[in-house]
Each structure stands twice: as C-alpha cells, then as structure tokens.
N, C-alpha and C. Protein backbone atom coordinates (compact mmCIF):
# COMPACT_ATOMS: atom_id res chain seq x y z
N MET A 1 -45.36 11.05 18.17
CA MET A 1 -46.18 9.96 17.67
C MET A 1 -46.03 8.76 18.60
N ASN A 2 -47.13 8.24 19.09
CA ASN A 2 -47.13 7.09 19.96
C ASN A 2 -47.21 5.82 19.11
N ILE A 3 -46.17 5.02 19.16
CA ILE A 3 -46.11 3.79 18.37
C ILE A 3 -46.41 2.61 19.29
N GLU A 4 -47.41 1.82 18.89
CA GLU A 4 -47.82 0.68 19.70
C GLU A 4 -46.77 -0.42 19.70
N ASN A 5 -46.71 -1.10 20.82
CA ASN A 5 -45.81 -2.24 20.95
C ASN A 5 -46.57 -3.49 20.51
N HIS A 6 -46.08 -4.16 19.49
CA HIS A 6 -46.75 -5.35 18.96
C HIS A 6 -45.93 -6.62 19.16
N ASN A 7 -44.91 -6.58 20.04
CA ASN A 7 -44.16 -7.82 20.19
C ASN A 7 -45.09 -8.88 20.77
N LEU A 8 -44.80 -10.13 20.47
CA LEU A 8 -45.71 -11.22 20.77
C LEU A 8 -45.96 -11.37 22.27
N HIS A 9 -44.95 -11.14 23.09
CA HIS A 9 -45.14 -11.24 24.54
C HIS A 9 -46.09 -10.14 25.04
N HIS A 10 -46.07 -9.00 24.40
CA HIS A 10 -46.97 -7.91 24.76
C HIS A 10 -48.38 -8.19 24.25
N GLU A 11 -48.49 -8.76 23.07
CA GLU A 11 -49.79 -9.07 22.48
C GLU A 11 -50.51 -10.20 23.21
N PHE A 12 -49.76 -11.20 23.66
CA PHE A 12 -50.35 -12.38 24.29
C PHE A 12 -49.65 -12.71 25.62
N PRO A 13 -49.75 -11.82 26.61
CA PRO A 13 -49.03 -12.08 27.88
C PRO A 13 -49.51 -13.36 28.58
N GLN A 14 -50.73 -13.76 28.33
CA GLN A 14 -51.26 -14.98 28.95
C GLN A 14 -50.60 -16.24 28.39
N HIS A 15 -49.89 -16.11 27.26
CA HIS A 15 -49.23 -17.25 26.63
C HIS A 15 -47.70 -17.19 26.77
N LYS A 16 -47.21 -16.41 27.73
CA LYS A 16 -45.76 -16.22 27.87
C LYS A 16 -45.00 -17.54 27.95
N ASP A 17 -45.45 -18.43 28.82
CA ASP A 17 -44.74 -19.71 28.99
C ASP A 17 -44.85 -20.57 27.74
N ARG A 18 -46.01 -20.57 27.10
CA ARG A 18 -46.23 -21.38 25.89
C ARG A 18 -45.36 -20.84 24.74
N ILE A 19 -45.23 -19.51 24.65
CA ILE A 19 -44.38 -18.92 23.62
C ILE A 19 -42.95 -19.44 23.79
N HIS A 20 -42.46 -19.38 25.01
CA HIS A 20 -41.09 -19.85 25.27
C HIS A 20 -40.95 -21.34 24.94
N GLU A 21 -41.91 -22.13 25.39
CA GLU A 21 -41.87 -23.57 25.13
C GLU A 21 -41.83 -23.87 23.64
N LEU A 22 -42.71 -23.23 22.88
CA LEU A 22 -42.75 -23.49 21.44
C LEU A 22 -41.51 -22.97 20.72
N LYS A 23 -40.99 -21.83 21.15
CA LYS A 23 -39.77 -21.32 20.53
C LYS A 23 -38.62 -22.30 20.70
N MET A 24 -38.60 -22.98 21.83
CA MET A 24 -37.51 -23.91 22.11
C MET A 24 -37.70 -25.28 21.46
N ASN A 25 -38.97 -25.68 21.23
CA ASN A 25 -39.24 -27.06 20.83
C ASN A 25 -39.92 -27.24 19.48
N ASP A 26 -40.31 -26.17 18.83
CA ASP A 26 -41.04 -26.29 17.57
C ASP A 26 -40.39 -25.38 16.53
N ARG A 27 -39.69 -26.00 15.59
CA ARG A 27 -38.96 -25.22 14.58
C ARG A 27 -39.88 -24.33 13.75
N HIS A 28 -41.05 -24.83 13.40
CA HIS A 28 -41.99 -24.05 12.59
C HIS A 28 -42.44 -22.81 13.37
N PHE A 29 -42.80 -23.00 14.63
CA PHE A 29 -43.19 -21.86 15.47
C PHE A 29 -42.03 -20.88 15.58
N ALA A 30 -40.84 -21.38 15.83
CA ALA A 30 -39.67 -20.50 15.99
C ALA A 30 -39.42 -19.69 14.72
N ARG A 31 -39.59 -20.31 13.56
CA ARG A 31 -39.39 -19.60 12.30
C ARG A 31 -40.43 -18.50 12.12
N LEU A 32 -41.71 -18.84 12.39
CA LEU A 32 -42.77 -17.84 12.27
C LEU A 32 -42.59 -16.73 13.30
N PHE A 33 -42.17 -17.09 14.51
CA PHE A 33 -41.92 -16.11 15.56
C PHE A 33 -40.85 -15.13 15.11
N GLU A 34 -39.77 -15.64 14.54
CA GLU A 34 -38.68 -14.78 14.07
C GLU A 34 -39.16 -13.88 12.93
N GLU A 35 -39.93 -14.43 11.99
CA GLU A 35 -40.46 -13.62 10.90
C GLU A 35 -41.39 -12.54 11.43
N TYR A 36 -42.23 -12.88 12.41
CA TYR A 36 -43.11 -11.89 13.03
C TYR A 36 -42.28 -10.78 13.66
N HIS A 37 -41.28 -11.15 14.43
CA HIS A 37 -40.41 -10.19 15.10
C HIS A 37 -39.73 -9.26 14.08
N ASN A 38 -39.19 -9.84 13.02
CA ASN A 38 -38.51 -9.04 11.99
C ASN A 38 -39.48 -8.11 11.26
N THR A 39 -40.67 -8.60 10.97
CA THR A 39 -41.68 -7.79 10.30
C THR A 39 -42.10 -6.64 11.20
N ASP A 40 -42.33 -6.92 12.47
CA ASP A 40 -42.71 -5.88 13.42
C ASP A 40 -41.60 -4.84 13.55
N ARG A 41 -40.35 -5.28 13.59
CA ARG A 41 -39.21 -4.36 13.67
C ARG A 41 -39.17 -3.45 12.45
N ASP A 42 -39.39 -4.01 11.26
CA ASP A 42 -39.40 -3.20 10.04
C ASP A 42 -40.51 -2.16 10.07
N ILE A 43 -41.67 -2.54 10.55
CA ILE A 43 -42.79 -1.60 10.66
C ILE A 43 -42.45 -0.48 11.64
N ARG A 44 -41.88 -0.84 12.77
CA ARG A 44 -41.52 0.18 13.77
C ARG A 44 -40.49 1.17 13.22
N LYS A 45 -39.51 0.69 12.47
CA LYS A 45 -38.52 1.59 11.86
C LYS A 45 -39.20 2.60 10.96
N ILE A 46 -40.15 2.14 10.18
CA ILE A 46 -40.87 3.03 9.26
C ILE A 46 -41.71 4.02 10.06
N GLU A 47 -42.45 3.52 11.04
CA GLU A 47 -43.31 4.39 11.84
C GLU A 47 -42.52 5.41 12.64
N GLU A 48 -41.31 5.06 13.06
CA GLU A 48 -40.46 5.99 13.80
C GLU A 48 -39.75 6.98 12.90
N GLY A 49 -39.85 6.78 11.59
CA GLY A 49 -39.22 7.68 10.64
C GLY A 49 -37.76 7.36 10.38
N ALA A 50 -37.29 6.24 10.88
CA ALA A 50 -35.89 5.85 10.68
C ALA A 50 -35.66 5.27 9.30
N GLU A 51 -36.74 4.89 8.63
CA GLU A 51 -36.65 4.28 7.31
C GLU A 51 -37.84 4.78 6.47
N ALA A 52 -37.56 5.13 5.24
CA ALA A 52 -38.62 5.58 4.33
C ALA A 52 -39.29 4.37 3.69
N SER A 53 -40.56 4.55 3.36
CA SER A 53 -41.30 3.46 2.74
C SER A 53 -42.53 4.00 2.03
N SER A 54 -42.97 3.26 1.04
CA SER A 54 -44.22 3.62 0.37
C SER A 54 -45.40 3.15 1.23
N ASP A 55 -46.55 3.73 0.99
CA ASP A 55 -47.76 3.31 1.69
C ASP A 55 -48.06 1.84 1.41
N ALA A 56 -47.84 1.42 0.17
CA ALA A 56 -48.12 0.04 -0.21
C ALA A 56 -47.22 -0.93 0.57
N ARG A 57 -45.96 -0.57 0.75
CA ARG A 57 -45.04 -1.45 1.48
C ARG A 57 -45.43 -1.56 2.95
N ILE A 58 -45.72 -0.43 3.59
CA ILE A 58 -46.08 -0.48 5.00
C ILE A 58 -47.38 -1.26 5.21
N GLU A 59 -48.33 -1.07 4.31
CA GLU A 59 -49.59 -1.81 4.43
C GLU A 59 -49.37 -3.30 4.20
N GLY A 60 -48.49 -3.64 3.26
CA GLY A 60 -48.16 -5.05 3.04
C GLY A 60 -47.49 -5.67 4.25
N LEU A 61 -46.59 -4.93 4.88
CA LEU A 61 -45.94 -5.43 6.09
C LEU A 61 -46.94 -5.61 7.22
N LYS A 62 -47.85 -4.66 7.36
CA LYS A 62 -48.85 -4.78 8.42
C LYS A 62 -49.77 -5.98 8.18
N MET A 63 -50.14 -6.21 6.94
CA MET A 63 -50.97 -7.38 6.64
C MET A 63 -50.21 -8.66 6.94
N ARG A 64 -48.93 -8.70 6.59
CA ARG A 64 -48.11 -9.88 6.88
C ARG A 64 -48.03 -10.12 8.38
N ARG A 65 -47.87 -9.04 9.16
CA ARG A 65 -47.80 -9.16 10.61
C ARG A 65 -49.11 -9.74 11.16
N VAL A 66 -50.24 -9.28 10.65
CA VAL A 66 -51.55 -9.79 11.10
C VAL A 66 -51.68 -11.28 10.80
N HIS A 67 -51.29 -11.68 9.60
CA HIS A 67 -51.39 -13.10 9.23
C HIS A 67 -50.46 -13.96 10.09
N LEU A 68 -49.26 -13.48 10.33
CA LEU A 68 -48.33 -14.22 11.18
C LEU A 68 -48.87 -14.31 12.60
N LYS A 69 -49.43 -13.22 13.10
CA LYS A 69 -49.98 -13.22 14.46
C LYS A 69 -51.13 -14.23 14.57
N ASP A 70 -51.97 -14.28 13.56
CA ASP A 70 -53.07 -15.25 13.56
C ASP A 70 -52.53 -16.69 13.57
N ASP A 71 -51.53 -16.95 12.74
CA ASP A 71 -50.94 -18.29 12.69
C ASP A 71 -50.31 -18.66 14.02
N LEU A 72 -49.55 -17.72 14.60
CA LEU A 72 -48.89 -17.98 15.87
C LEU A 72 -49.90 -18.19 17.00
N LEU A 73 -50.95 -17.39 17.03
CA LEU A 73 -51.97 -17.56 18.07
C LEU A 73 -52.64 -18.92 17.93
N GLY A 74 -52.91 -19.34 16.72
CA GLY A 74 -53.48 -20.66 16.52
C GLY A 74 -52.59 -21.75 17.09
N MET A 75 -51.30 -21.61 16.90
CA MET A 75 -50.36 -22.59 17.45
C MET A 75 -50.31 -22.50 18.98
N LEU A 76 -50.38 -21.29 19.51
CA LEU A 76 -50.34 -21.12 20.96
C LEU A 76 -51.57 -21.74 21.63
N GLU A 77 -52.69 -21.68 20.96
CA GLU A 77 -53.92 -22.17 21.56
C GLU A 77 -54.16 -23.65 21.40
N THR A 78 -53.33 -24.33 20.63
CA THR A 78 -53.47 -25.78 20.51
C THR A 78 -52.94 -26.42 21.79
N THR A 79 -53.52 -27.54 22.15
CA THR A 79 -53.11 -28.21 23.39
C THR A 79 -52.08 -29.30 23.14
N ASP A 80 -51.72 -29.54 21.88
CA ASP A 80 -50.71 -30.55 21.59
C ASP A 80 -49.36 -30.05 22.03
N VAL A 81 -48.70 -30.78 22.88
CA VAL A 81 -47.38 -30.39 23.36
C VAL A 81 -46.38 -31.46 23.00
C-alpha cells in the first residue's frame, strides 16, 4: 500500500522558509503546525496498519487534517510578518 506523504513541507514546498519563520515567531501557527503533524502521524499509523481504528475515526482525523491544512495555508499566504 502506497501511503502519501502529507507533511506540511511536502505539501507546500514553496512556503518552506515561511513555515520555518512562522513556527519560530507565531505561537498560534506553531500550535496548529504541531496539531497538524500529530494528526497526520496518527493517520499514517492507521494507514500503515500499526494501529486499529474505526472508519469514523479515520475519516474524522482526515477531515481535521484538511481543516488544519487550510488554516495553515491561509496563514502562510498572508503577507503580515
């Protein structure tokens, strides 16, 4: 089974420097980034078969990841520094 890589640097390579900048200087971004990372890790564990889960839980995690990604991208695309 081929499991996609959804880490934020892979999803938005054009924002690599901005991701680093915001992680270091914006607590809200850093918190959302960490939650995104943890959610993605949980999904990968389930998809790799290392952890059992119900369909409802995996779908809920995937929806949370999408919402976090949208929020993070919005922050990355703002020009306020």
